[in-house]
Amino acid sequence: MDSEEYLKQRLQDQIDWYDKKSQWNQRWHKRLKAVEIFMAVSIPFLVGYITDTALRMKFVVGFLSVIVAAIAGLVSLYKFQENWIEYRTTAESLKHEKYLYLTKTGPYDGGDAFNKFVERVEDMVSKENTRWSWYIKKQKGEGENG
């Protein structure tokens, strides 16, 4: 695989994947947190309308409380914010390497630039994959112990 093929088929594919996953996690994090905040601030307001005969209002406040707790649990479980930041960081790091390579600056100003470039890019991708694998193993271990 030559430099041009690597840039198009491997590097740009990875940048696009991390960018897309970062945006997806950002959207879900912000959506869920907005709903959580809206519902959480509604509870104290609605409590003021509870009377001895307002059974429906008690149900609504209880239901909102359950939803707030469920959203907080989902955000914690799926780690949308952490994934968003991690994927964005990886995408930007890959772009940085790409531009250093294309401009022949930094570690790529001498001979054997392409091999250095591939090694550094693959190292970044490998580290991200290793972190993901470690996280999955940790989650499975907690599931078995819990």
N, C-alpha and C. Protein backbone atom coordinates (compact mmCIF):
# COMPACT_ATOMS: atom_id res chain seq x y z
N MET A 1 0.85 -1.17 0.00
CA MET A 1 0.00 0.00 0.00
C MET A 1 0.90 1.24 0.00
N ASP A 2 0.66 2.10 -0.94
CA ASP A 2 1.48 3.32 -0.99
C ASP A 2 0.84 4.42 -0.14
N SER A 3 1.52 5.55 -0.09
CA SER A 3 1.10 6.67 0.75
C SER A 3 -0.30 7.17 0.42
N GLU A 4 -0.57 7.34 -0.85
CA GLU A 4 -1.87 7.86 -1.26
C GLU A 4 -3.00 6.90 -0.91
N GLU A 5 -2.78 5.61 -1.14
CA GLU A 5 -3.79 4.61 -0.78
C GLU A 5 -4.02 4.58 0.73
N TYR A 6 -2.94 4.65 1.48
CA TYR A 6 -3.04 4.61 2.93
C TYR A 6 -3.83 5.80 3.45
N LEU A 7 -3.52 6.98 2.91
CA LEU A 7 -4.23 8.19 3.34
C LEU A 7 -5.73 8.09 3.06
N LYS A 8 -6.08 7.56 1.91
CA LYS A 8 -7.49 7.49 1.53
C LYS A 8 -8.21 6.31 2.18
N GLN A 9 -7.63 5.13 2.05
CA GLN A 9 -8.33 3.92 2.47
C GLN A 9 -8.25 3.64 3.96
N ARG A 10 -7.17 3.99 4.59
CA ARG A 10 -7.02 3.66 6.01
C ARG A 10 -7.23 4.89 6.90
N LEU A 11 -6.42 5.91 6.68
CA LEU A 11 -6.45 7.04 7.59
C LEU A 11 -7.76 7.81 7.51
N GLN A 12 -8.20 8.18 6.32
CA GLN A 12 -9.43 8.95 6.21
C GLN A 12 -10.63 8.16 6.70
N ASP A 13 -10.61 6.86 6.46
CA ASP A 13 -11.68 6.00 6.97
C ASP A 13 -11.74 6.05 8.50
N GLN A 14 -10.58 5.99 9.14
CA GLN A 14 -10.52 6.05 10.60
C GLN A 14 -10.95 7.42 11.12
N ILE A 15 -10.48 8.48 10.49
CA ILE A 15 -10.88 9.83 10.89
C ILE A 15 -12.39 9.99 10.79
N ASP A 16 -12.96 9.54 9.68
CA ASP A 16 -14.41 9.65 9.48
C ASP A 16 -15.17 8.84 10.54
N TRP A 17 -14.70 7.64 10.85
CA TRP A 17 -15.36 6.80 11.84
C TRP A 17 -15.36 7.47 13.22
N TYR A 18 -14.18 7.92 13.66
CA TYR A 18 -14.08 8.57 14.96
C TYR A 18 -14.89 9.86 15.00
N ASP A 19 -14.89 10.60 13.92
CA ASP A 19 -15.67 11.84 13.85
C ASP A 19 -17.17 11.54 13.98
N LYS A 20 -17.63 10.56 13.23
CA LYS A 20 -19.05 10.19 13.25
C LYS A 20 -19.46 9.68 14.64
N LYS A 21 -18.65 8.83 15.23
CA LYS A 21 -18.96 8.29 16.56
C LYS A 21 -18.90 9.38 17.62
N SER A 22 -17.99 10.31 17.48
CA SER A 22 -17.92 11.43 18.42
C SER A 22 -19.19 12.26 18.36
N GLN A 23 -19.63 12.58 17.16
CA GLN A 23 -20.85 13.37 16.99
C GLN A 23 -22.07 12.62 17.54
N TRP A 24 -22.16 11.33 17.27
CA TRP A 24 -23.29 10.53 17.74
C TRP A 24 -23.35 10.53 19.27
N ASN A 25 -22.20 10.29 19.91
CA ASN A 25 -22.15 10.28 21.37
C ASN A 25 -22.44 11.66 21.94
N GLN A 26 -21.97 12.71 21.28
CA GLN A 26 -22.25 14.07 21.74
C GLN A 26 -23.74 14.36 21.69
N ARG A 27 -24.37 14.01 20.58
CA ARG A 27 -25.82 14.24 20.45
C ARG A 27 -26.60 13.51 21.53
N TRP A 28 -26.30 12.24 21.73
CA TRP A 28 -27.04 11.47 22.74
C TRP A 28 -26.78 12.00 24.14
N HIS A 29 -25.55 12.36 24.44
CA HIS A 29 -25.23 12.91 25.76
C HIS A 29 -26.04 14.19 26.00
N LYS A 30 -26.02 15.10 25.05
CA LYS A 30 -26.72 16.37 25.22
C LYS A 30 -28.24 16.19 25.28
N ARG A 31 -28.77 15.31 24.45
CA ARG A 31 -30.21 15.07 24.47
C ARG A 31 -30.66 14.52 25.81
N LEU A 32 -30.00 13.47 26.26
CA LEU A 32 -30.39 12.84 27.52
C LEU A 32 -30.20 13.78 28.71
N LYS A 33 -29.12 14.54 28.72
CA LYS A 33 -28.90 15.47 29.82
C LYS A 33 -29.94 16.59 29.80
N ALA A 34 -30.33 17.06 28.62
CA ALA A 34 -31.36 18.11 28.53
C ALA A 34 -32.69 17.60 29.08
N VAL A 35 -33.07 16.38 28.70
CA VAL A 35 -34.32 15.79 29.21
C VAL A 35 -34.22 15.60 30.72
N GLU A 36 -33.09 15.10 31.17
CA GLU A 36 -32.89 14.88 32.60
C GLU A 36 -33.01 16.19 33.38
N ILE A 37 -32.38 17.24 32.90
CA ILE A 37 -32.44 18.55 33.57
C ILE A 37 -33.86 19.08 33.57
N PHE A 38 -34.52 19.03 32.44
CA PHE A 38 -35.88 19.55 32.35
C PHE A 38 -36.81 18.82 33.33
N MET A 39 -36.71 17.52 33.36
CA MET A 39 -37.58 16.74 34.26
C MET A 39 -37.21 16.99 35.72
N ALA A 40 -35.92 17.06 36.01
CA ALA A 40 -35.49 17.28 37.40
C ALA A 40 -35.95 18.63 37.93
N VAL A 41 -35.90 19.67 37.11
CA VAL A 41 -36.36 20.99 37.58
C VAL A 41 -37.87 21.07 37.62
N SER A 42 -38.55 20.21 36.90
CA SER A 42 -40.01 20.19 36.93
C SER A 42 -40.56 19.59 38.22
N ILE A 43 -39.83 18.69 38.81
CA ILE A 43 -40.31 17.99 40.00
C ILE A 43 -40.62 18.96 41.15
N PRO A 44 -39.68 19.83 41.56
CA PRO A 44 -40.01 20.74 42.67
C PRO A 44 -41.19 21.66 42.34
N PHE A 45 -41.28 22.06 41.09
CA PHE A 45 -42.41 22.91 40.67
C PHE A 45 -43.73 22.16 40.82
N LEU A 46 -43.77 20.93 40.37
CA LEU A 46 -45.01 20.15 40.42
C LEU A 46 -45.39 19.74 41.84
N VAL A 47 -44.39 19.58 42.70
CA VAL A 47 -44.67 19.20 44.08
C VAL A 47 -45.58 20.25 44.74
N GLY A 48 -45.43 21.48 44.34
CA GLY A 48 -46.27 22.55 44.88
C GLY A 48 -47.75 22.38 44.57
N TYR A 49 -48.06 21.60 43.58
CA TYR A 49 -49.46 21.37 43.18
C TYR A 49 -50.06 20.10 43.78
N ILE A 50 -49.28 19.40 44.58
CA ILE A 50 -49.80 18.17 45.18
C ILE A 50 -50.69 18.54 46.37
N THR A 51 -51.86 18.00 46.35
CA THR A 51 -52.78 18.12 47.49
C THR A 51 -53.18 16.72 47.90
N ASP A 52 -53.93 16.63 48.96
CA ASP A 52 -54.37 15.31 49.41
C ASP A 52 -55.21 14.60 48.36
N THR A 53 -55.89 15.35 47.52
CA THR A 53 -56.77 14.74 46.52
C THR A 53 -56.13 14.66 45.13
N ALA A 54 -54.91 15.13 45.00
CA ALA A 54 -54.26 15.18 43.68
C ALA A 54 -53.43 13.92 43.44
N LEU A 55 -54.10 12.80 43.33
CA LEU A 55 -53.41 11.52 43.11
C LEU A 55 -52.65 11.51 41.79
N ARG A 56 -53.23 12.12 40.77
CA ARG A 56 -52.54 12.17 39.46
C ARG A 56 -51.22 12.92 39.56
N MET A 57 -51.20 14.02 40.30
CA MET A 57 -49.98 14.81 40.42
C MET A 57 -48.90 14.01 41.15
N LYS A 58 -49.29 13.25 42.15
CA LYS A 58 -48.33 12.39 42.86
C LYS A 58 -47.74 11.37 41.90
N PHE A 59 -48.59 10.82 41.05
CA PHE A 59 -48.13 9.86 40.05
C PHE A 59 -47.15 10.52 39.07
N VAL A 60 -47.48 11.72 38.60
CA VAL A 60 -46.62 12.43 37.65
C VAL A 60 -45.26 12.72 38.27
N VAL A 61 -45.24 13.22 39.50
CA VAL A 61 -43.97 13.52 40.17
C VAL A 61 -43.16 12.24 40.37
N GLY A 62 -43.80 11.18 40.78
CA GLY A 62 -43.11 9.90 40.95
C GLY A 62 -42.55 9.38 39.64
N PHE A 63 -43.34 9.48 38.58
CA PHE A 63 -42.91 9.02 37.26
C PHE A 63 -41.71 9.84 36.76
N LEU A 64 -41.76 11.16 36.93
CA LEU A 64 -40.64 12.00 36.52
C LEU A 64 -39.37 11.64 37.30
N SER A 65 -39.52 11.36 38.57
CA SER A 65 -38.36 10.97 39.39
C SER A 65 -37.73 9.68 38.88
N VAL A 66 -38.56 8.73 38.50
CA VAL A 66 -38.06 7.47 37.96
C VAL A 66 -37.34 7.71 36.63
N ILE A 67 -37.90 8.55 35.78
CA ILE A 67 -37.27 8.85 34.48
C ILE A 67 -35.92 9.54 34.69
N VAL A 68 -35.85 10.50 35.61
CA VAL A 68 -34.59 11.19 35.88
C VAL A 68 -33.53 10.18 36.34
N ALA A 69 -33.90 9.29 37.24
CA ALA A 69 -32.96 8.27 37.71
C ALA A 69 -32.54 7.33 36.58
N ALA A 70 -33.48 6.96 35.73
CA ALA A 70 -33.17 6.06 34.60
C ALA A 70 -32.22 6.73 33.62
N ILE A 71 -32.46 7.99 33.31
CA ILE A 71 -31.57 8.70 32.38
C ILE A 71 -30.18 8.83 32.98
N ALA A 72 -30.08 9.18 34.25
CA ALA A 72 -28.77 9.28 34.91
C ALA A 72 -28.04 7.94 34.83
N GLY A 73 -28.76 6.86 35.03
CA GLY A 73 -28.16 5.53 34.93
C GLY A 73 -27.68 5.21 33.52
N LEU A 74 -28.48 5.55 32.53
CA LEU A 74 -28.09 5.29 31.13
C LEU A 74 -26.87 6.10 30.73
N VAL A 75 -26.85 7.36 31.14
CA VAL A 75 -25.70 8.22 30.81
C VAL A 75 -24.44 7.65 31.45
N SER A 76 -24.57 7.17 32.67
CA SER A 76 -23.42 6.57 33.36
C SER A 76 -23.00 5.25 32.72
N LEU A 77 -23.97 4.42 32.37
CA LEU A 77 -23.69 3.11 31.80
C LEU A 77 -23.02 3.21 30.43
N TYR A 78 -23.59 4.02 29.56
CA TYR A 78 -23.09 4.09 28.18
C TYR A 78 -21.98 5.10 27.98
N LYS A 79 -21.70 5.94 28.96
CA LYS A 79 -20.56 6.86 28.94
C LYS A 79 -20.50 7.71 27.66
N PHE A 80 -21.64 8.29 27.33
CA PHE A 80 -21.71 9.10 26.11
C PHE A 80 -20.70 10.26 26.12
N GLN A 81 -20.59 10.96 27.24
CA GLN A 81 -19.67 12.09 27.29
C GLN A 81 -18.22 11.64 27.16
N GLU A 82 -17.85 10.58 27.87
CA GLU A 82 -16.48 10.08 27.80
C GLU A 82 -16.14 9.62 26.38
N ASN A 83 -17.08 8.89 25.75
CA ASN A 83 -16.84 8.43 24.38
C ASN A 83 -16.74 9.60 23.41
N TRP A 84 -17.62 10.57 23.58
CA TRP A 84 -17.59 11.76 22.73
C TRP A 84 -16.21 12.41 22.78
N ILE A 85 -15.70 12.63 23.98
CA ILE A 85 -14.40 13.30 24.13
C ILE A 85 -13.27 12.42 23.62
N GLU A 86 -13.32 11.14 23.95
CA GLU A 86 -12.26 10.22 23.52
C GLU A 86 -12.21 10.11 21.99
N TYR A 87 -13.36 9.93 21.37
CA TYR A 87 -13.40 9.80 19.91
C TYR A 87 -13.00 11.11 19.23
N ARG A 88 -13.41 12.24 19.78
CA ARG A 88 -13.03 13.53 19.20
C ARG A 88 -11.52 13.72 19.30
N THR A 89 -10.95 13.36 20.47
CA THR A 89 -9.50 13.48 20.66
C THR A 89 -8.75 12.62 19.65
N THR A 90 -9.20 11.39 19.46
CA THR A 90 -8.54 10.49 18.51
C THR A 90 -8.66 11.02 17.09
N ALA A 91 -9.84 11.48 16.70
CA ALA A 91 -10.03 12.03 15.35
C ALA A 91 -9.11 13.22 15.11
N GLU A 92 -9.04 14.11 16.09
CA GLU A 92 -8.19 15.30 15.93
C GLU A 92 -6.71 14.94 15.92
N SER A 93 -6.32 13.95 16.71
CA SER A 93 -4.92 13.50 16.71
C SER A 93 -4.55 12.89 15.36
N LEU A 94 -5.46 12.10 14.79
CA LEU A 94 -5.20 11.51 13.48
C LEU A 94 -5.10 12.60 12.41
N LYS A 95 -5.96 13.60 12.48
CA LYS A 95 -5.88 14.72 11.52
C LYS A 95 -4.55 15.45 11.67
N HIS A 96 -4.13 15.65 12.91
CA HIS A 96 -2.86 16.33 13.17
C HIS A 96 -1.70 15.57 12.52
N GLU A 97 -1.67 14.27 12.71
CA GLU A 97 -0.62 13.46 12.09
C GLU A 97 -0.68 13.55 10.57
N LYS A 98 -1.88 13.53 10.05
CA LYS A 98 -2.06 13.61 8.59
C LYS A 98 -1.45 14.91 8.05
N TYR A 99 -1.75 16.02 8.72
CA TYR A 99 -1.23 17.31 8.23
C TYR A 99 0.27 17.44 8.44
N LEU A 100 0.79 16.89 9.52
CA LEU A 100 2.24 16.88 9.69
C LEU A 100 2.90 16.10 8.56
N TYR A 101 2.31 14.96 8.23
CA TYR A 101 2.87 14.12 7.16
C TYR A 101 2.78 14.82 5.80
N LEU A 102 1.61 15.38 5.50
CA LEU A 102 1.43 16.01 4.20
C LEU A 102 2.32 17.24 4.01
N THR A 103 2.64 17.92 5.09
CA THR A 103 3.50 19.11 4.99
C THR A 103 4.97 18.77 5.24
N LYS A 104 5.25 17.50 5.49
CA LYS A 104 6.63 17.02 5.73
C LYS A 104 7.29 17.79 6.88
N THR A 105 6.55 17.97 7.98
CA THR A 105 7.07 18.67 9.14
C THR A 105 7.13 17.73 10.34
N GLY A 106 7.79 18.21 11.39
CA GLY A 106 7.90 17.42 12.61
C GLY A 106 8.66 16.14 12.36
N PRO A 107 8.10 15.02 12.78
CA PRO A 107 8.81 13.75 12.63
C PRO A 107 8.90 13.27 11.18
N TYR A 108 8.24 13.96 10.27
CA TYR A 108 8.18 13.52 8.88
C TYR A 108 9.02 14.38 7.93
N ASP A 109 9.98 15.12 8.47
CA ASP A 109 10.79 15.98 7.60
C ASP A 109 12.02 15.28 7.05
N GLY A 110 12.26 14.05 7.45
CA GLY A 110 13.43 13.33 6.97
C GLY A 110 13.05 12.12 6.13
N GLY A 111 14.01 11.24 5.98
CA GLY A 111 13.77 10.02 5.21
C GLY A 111 12.88 9.05 5.97
N ASP A 112 12.34 8.13 5.26
CA ASP A 112 11.47 7.09 5.81
C ASP A 112 10.22 7.67 6.49
N ALA A 113 9.74 8.80 5.98
CA ALA A 113 8.59 9.50 6.57
C ALA A 113 7.33 8.64 6.53
N PHE A 114 7.10 7.95 5.42
CA PHE A 114 5.88 7.15 5.30
C PHE A 114 5.82 6.05 6.35
N ASN A 115 6.94 5.34 6.57
CA ASN A 115 6.95 4.27 7.57
C ASN A 115 6.71 4.82 8.97
N LYS A 116 7.32 5.95 9.30
CA LYS A 116 7.08 6.59 10.60
C LYS A 116 5.61 6.98 10.74
N PHE A 117 5.08 7.52 9.67
CA PHE A 117 3.68 7.95 9.66
C PHE A 117 2.74 6.78 9.93
N VAL A 118 2.94 5.69 9.21
CA VAL A 118 2.09 4.51 9.39
C VAL A 118 2.22 3.98 10.81
N GLU A 119 3.43 3.90 11.31
CA GLU A 119 3.65 3.40 12.67
C GLU A 119 2.92 4.26 13.70
N ARG A 120 3.02 5.57 13.56
CA ARG A 120 2.39 6.47 14.53
C ARG A 120 0.86 6.41 14.45
N VAL A 121 0.33 6.38 13.23
CA VAL A 121 -1.12 6.31 13.06
C VAL A 121 -1.64 4.98 13.61
N GLU A 122 -1.01 3.90 13.24
CA GLU A 122 -1.46 2.59 13.70
C GLU A 122 -1.32 2.45 15.22
N ASP A 123 -0.32 3.10 15.77
CA ASP A 123 -0.16 3.09 17.23
C ASP A 123 -1.34 3.80 17.89
N MET A 124 -1.77 4.93 17.35
CA MET A 124 -2.93 5.65 17.89
C MET A 124 -4.19 4.81 17.82
N VAL A 125 -4.41 4.21 16.67
CA VAL A 125 -5.61 3.39 16.48
C VAL A 125 -5.54 2.17 17.39
N SER A 126 -4.38 1.57 17.51
CA SER A 126 -4.21 0.39 18.36
C SER A 126 -4.47 0.74 19.83
N LYS A 127 -3.98 1.88 20.28
CA LYS A 127 -4.21 2.29 21.67
C LYS A 127 -5.69 2.49 21.93
N GLU A 128 -6.39 3.08 20.99
CA GLU A 128 -7.84 3.28 21.14
C GLU A 128 -8.55 1.92 21.21
N ASN A 129 -8.15 1.00 20.34
CA ASN A 129 -8.75 -0.34 20.36
C ASN A 129 -8.44 -1.08 21.66
N THR A 130 -7.23 -0.90 22.17
CA THR A 130 -6.84 -1.53 23.43
C THR A 130 -7.67 -0.98 24.58
N ARG A 131 -7.86 0.34 24.61
CA ARG A 131 -8.70 0.95 25.66
C ARG A 131 -10.12 0.42 25.58
N TRP A 132 -10.65 0.29 24.38
CA TRP A 132 -12.01 -0.22 24.21
C TRP A 132 -12.09 -1.66 24.69
N SER A 133 -11.12 -2.48 24.32
CA SER A 133 -11.10 -3.88 24.72
C SER A 133 -10.99 -4.00 26.24
N TRP A 134 -10.15 -3.17 26.86
CA TRP A 134 -10.01 -3.18 28.31
C TRP A 134 -11.32 -2.79 28.98
N TYR A 135 -12.00 -1.80 28.44
CA TYR A 135 -13.28 -1.36 28.99
C TYR A 135 -14.32 -2.47 28.91
N ILE A 136 -14.40 -3.16 27.77
CA ILE A 136 -15.37 -4.25 27.59
C ILE A 136 -15.07 -5.39 28.59
N LYS A 137 -13.80 -5.74 28.73
CA LYS A 137 -13.44 -6.80 29.68
C LYS A 137 -13.79 -6.40 31.10
N LYS A 138 -13.57 -5.14 31.42
CA LYS A 138 -13.89 -4.64 32.77
C LYS A 138 -15.40 -4.71 33.00
N GLN A 139 -16.18 -4.33 31.99
CA GLN A 139 -17.63 -4.37 32.12
C GLN A 139 -18.12 -5.82 32.31
N LYS A 140 -17.56 -6.74 31.58
CA LYS A 140 -17.95 -8.15 31.71
C LYS A 140 -17.57 -8.67 33.09
N GLY A 141 -16.40 -8.28 33.57
CA GLY A 141 -15.96 -8.70 34.90
C GLY A 141 -16.87 -8.18 35.99
N GLU A 142 -17.31 -6.94 35.87
CA GLU A 142 -18.21 -6.34 36.86
C GLU A 142 -19.57 -7.03 36.79
N GLY A 143 -19.99 -7.40 35.60
CA GLY A 143 -21.28 -8.07 35.44
C GLY A 143 -21.28 -9.45 36.09
N GLU A 144 -20.15 -10.14 36.00
CA GLU A 144 -20.06 -11.46 36.59
C GLU A 144 -19.98 -11.39 38.11
N ASN A 145 -19.33 -10.32 38.62
CA ASN A 145 -19.17 -10.19 40.06
C ASN A 145 -20.38 -9.55 40.73
N GLY A 146 -21.20 -8.86 39.95
CA GLY A 146 -22.31 -8.10 40.53
C GLY A 146 -23.56 -8.79 40.43
